[in-house]
Amino acid sequence: MAIVVDEYGGTTGIVTMEDILEEIVGDISDEYDEEVKPFYTIAPDGSYIFEGKTSLEDFIEVTGVPERDFEKLQEDVDTIAGLMLELKGDFPKRKELVKYKRYGFQAEEMNKRRIEKVRFIPPKGDSE
């Protein structure tokens, strides 16, 4: 283990042997690593249900939608929940359909301050 010190002598962080090895060989799984939960599921109807905090980059990668369709929005928002808020201009009601181009979005789970899960409805014939 090593302590990382900045130019003023203050502590910046700690580096472990595992951190160094992972930089060289890639991710190492061990008994201390938490299980990574999937951030989306595919519903039987072909729609996708995403965690609200899913990045737009991950959303685009998973669904295979053209990045150019969301290019302008990526300048203003980072997550799929943020995308819904930007499109609606306010908090949507639960299950309310928000359309953008050929795509549909629904807030599946919400609390008073956050959209927890978002259903993405691809255009007919585009689902994988």
Protein backbone atom coordinates (compact mmCIF):
# COMPACT_ATOMS: atom_id res chain seq x y z
CA MET A 1 0.00 0.00 0.00
CA ALA A 2 1.21 3.49 -0.78
CA ILE A 3 -0.05 6.91 0.25
CA VAL A 4 -0.26 9.43 -2.58
CA VAL A 5 0.91 12.91 -1.62
CA ASP A 6 0.23 16.09 -3.59
CA GLU A 7 2.69 18.91 -4.29
CA TYR A 8 1.85 20.62 -0.97
CA GLY A 9 2.42 17.53 1.15
CA GLY A 10 -1.26 16.80 1.65
CA THR A 11 -2.65 13.30 1.32
CA THR A 12 -4.38 12.78 -2.03
CA GLY A 13 -5.23 9.10 -1.80
CA ILE A 14 -4.14 5.54 -1.18
CA VAL A 15 -2.97 3.04 -3.79
CA THR A 16 -3.10 -0.69 -3.03
CA MET A 17 -1.21 -3.50 -4.70
CA GLU A 18 -4.53 -4.62 -6.24
CA ASP A 19 -4.97 -1.14 -7.80
CA ILE A 20 -1.54 -1.38 -9.41
CA LEU A 21 -2.11 -4.93 -10.70
CA GLU A 22 -5.53 -4.01 -12.09
CA GLU A 23 -3.94 -1.16 -14.05
CA ILE A 24 -1.53 -3.66 -15.61
CA VAL A 25 -3.69 -6.76 -16.19
CA GLY A 26 -7.28 -5.49 -15.97
CA ASP A 27 -10.04 -6.09 -13.44
CA ILE A 28 -9.36 -8.70 -10.76
CA SER A 29 -12.38 -10.25 -9.02
CA ASP A 30 -11.99 -11.39 -5.44
CA GLU A 31 -14.14 -12.09 -2.39
CA TYR A 32 -14.20 -8.40 -1.43
CA ASP A 33 -15.63 -7.11 -4.72
CA GLU A 34 -19.34 -6.39 -4.65
CA GLU A 35 -21.49 -8.14 -7.22
CA VAL A 36 -22.32 -5.79 -10.06
CA LYS A 37 -26.05 -5.68 -10.71
CA PRO A 38 -27.22 -5.27 -14.29
CA PHE A 39 -28.45 -1.73 -14.95
CA TYR A 40 -31.17 -2.81 -17.39
CA THR A 41 -33.54 -5.64 -18.26
CA ILE A 42 -35.34 -6.48 -21.47
CA ALA A 43 -39.08 -6.91 -21.06
CA PRO A 44 -41.02 -9.61 -22.95
CA ASP A 45 -42.55 -6.92 -25.19
CA GLY A 46 -39.08 -5.90 -26.43
CA SER A 47 -38.85 -2.71 -24.40
CA TYR A 48 -35.91 -2.02 -22.09
CA ILE A 49 -36.16 -1.05 -18.42
CA PHE A 50 -33.15 0.99 -17.31
CA GLU A 51 -32.01 2.28 -13.95
CA GLY A 52 -32.62 6.04 -14.04
CA LYS A 53 -28.95 6.75 -13.35
CA THR A 54 -27.84 4.86 -16.48
CA SER A 55 -25.60 7.06 -18.61
CA LEU A 56 -26.78 8.02 -22.08
CA GLU A 57 -23.62 6.42 -23.46
CA ASP A 58 -24.53 3.06 -21.88
CA PHE A 59 -28.16 3.46 -23.03
CA ILE A 60 -27.03 4.04 -26.63
CA GLU A 61 -24.59 1.12 -26.49
CA VAL A 62 -27.16 -1.33 -25.08
CA THR A 63 -30.06 -0.39 -27.35
CA GLY A 64 -28.05 0.16 -30.51
CA VAL A 65 -29.91 3.39 -31.34
CA PRO A 66 -27.97 5.79 -33.56
CA GLU A 67 -25.90 8.14 -31.40
CA ARG A 68 -26.75 11.05 -33.71
CA ASP A 69 -30.41 10.79 -32.61
CA PHE A 70 -29.37 11.86 -29.10
CA GLU A 71 -26.31 13.98 -29.93
CA LYS A 72 -27.84 17.37 -29.09
CA LEU A 73 -29.37 16.09 -25.85
CA GLN A 74 -26.04 14.65 -24.69
CA GLU A 75 -24.74 18.22 -24.34
CA ASP A 76 -27.34 18.93 -21.62
CA VAL A 77 -27.98 15.59 -19.87
CA ASP A 78 -25.91 12.65 -18.66
CA THR A 79 -28.46 10.02 -17.63
CA ILE A 80 -31.61 8.47 -19.04
CA ALA A 81 -33.65 9.96 -16.17
CA GLY A 82 -32.17 13.36 -17.01
CA LEU A 83 -33.15 12.77 -20.63
CA MET A 84 -36.78 12.24 -19.61
CA LEU A 85 -36.77 15.40 -17.50
CA GLU A 86 -35.24 17.39 -20.36
CA LEU A 87 -37.78 16.08 -22.88
CA LYS A 88 -40.79 16.60 -20.61
CA GLY A 89 -39.59 19.87 -19.05
CA ASP A 90 -40.94 18.67 -15.70
CA PHE A 91 -41.39 15.46 -13.73
CA PRO A 92 -43.54 13.06 -15.76
CA LYS A 93 -46.35 11.14 -14.14
CA ARG A 94 -45.70 7.46 -13.52
CA LYS A 95 -46.20 5.46 -16.76
CA GLU A 96 -46.70 8.70 -18.76
CA LEU A 97 -45.38 8.25 -22.29
CA VAL A 98 -42.85 10.86 -23.38
CA LYS A 99 -42.08 10.73 -27.11
CA TYR A 100 -38.84 11.78 -28.75
CA LYS A 101 -38.48 11.29 -32.49
CA ARG A 102 -39.48 7.64 -33.04
CA TYR A 103 -38.78 6.59 -29.45
CA GLY A 104 -40.94 6.32 -26.35
CA PHE A 105 -39.91 6.70 -22.71
CA GLN A 106 -41.95 5.95 -19.58
CA ALA A 107 -41.13 6.58 -15.93
CA GLU A 108 -41.59 3.11 -14.43
CA GLU A 109 -40.57 3.85 -10.84
CA MET A 110 -40.29 7.24 -9.17
CA ASN A 111 -40.01 8.91 -5.82
CA LYS A 112 -40.62 12.58 -5.03
CA ARG A 113 -37.17 13.66 -6.18
CA ARG A 114 -36.00 11.12 -8.71
CA ILE A 115 -36.94 8.89 -11.61
CA GLU A 116 -35.71 5.48 -10.45
CA LYS A 117 -36.47 3.37 -13.56
CA VAL A 118 -37.21 4.28 -17.16
CA ARG A 119 -38.83 2.09 -19.80
CA PHE A 120 -37.45 2.67 -23.30
CA ILE A 121 -39.81 1.69 -26.10
CA PRO A 122 -37.95 1.33 -29.40
CA PRO A 123 -39.76 1.83 -32.69
CA LYS A 124 -41.49 -1.29 -33.99
CA GLY A 125 -39.01 -3.51 -35.82
CA ASP A 126 -35.95 -1.95 -34.09
CA SER A 127 -35.86 -4.10 -30.94
CA GLU A 128 -33.14 -6.70 -30.72
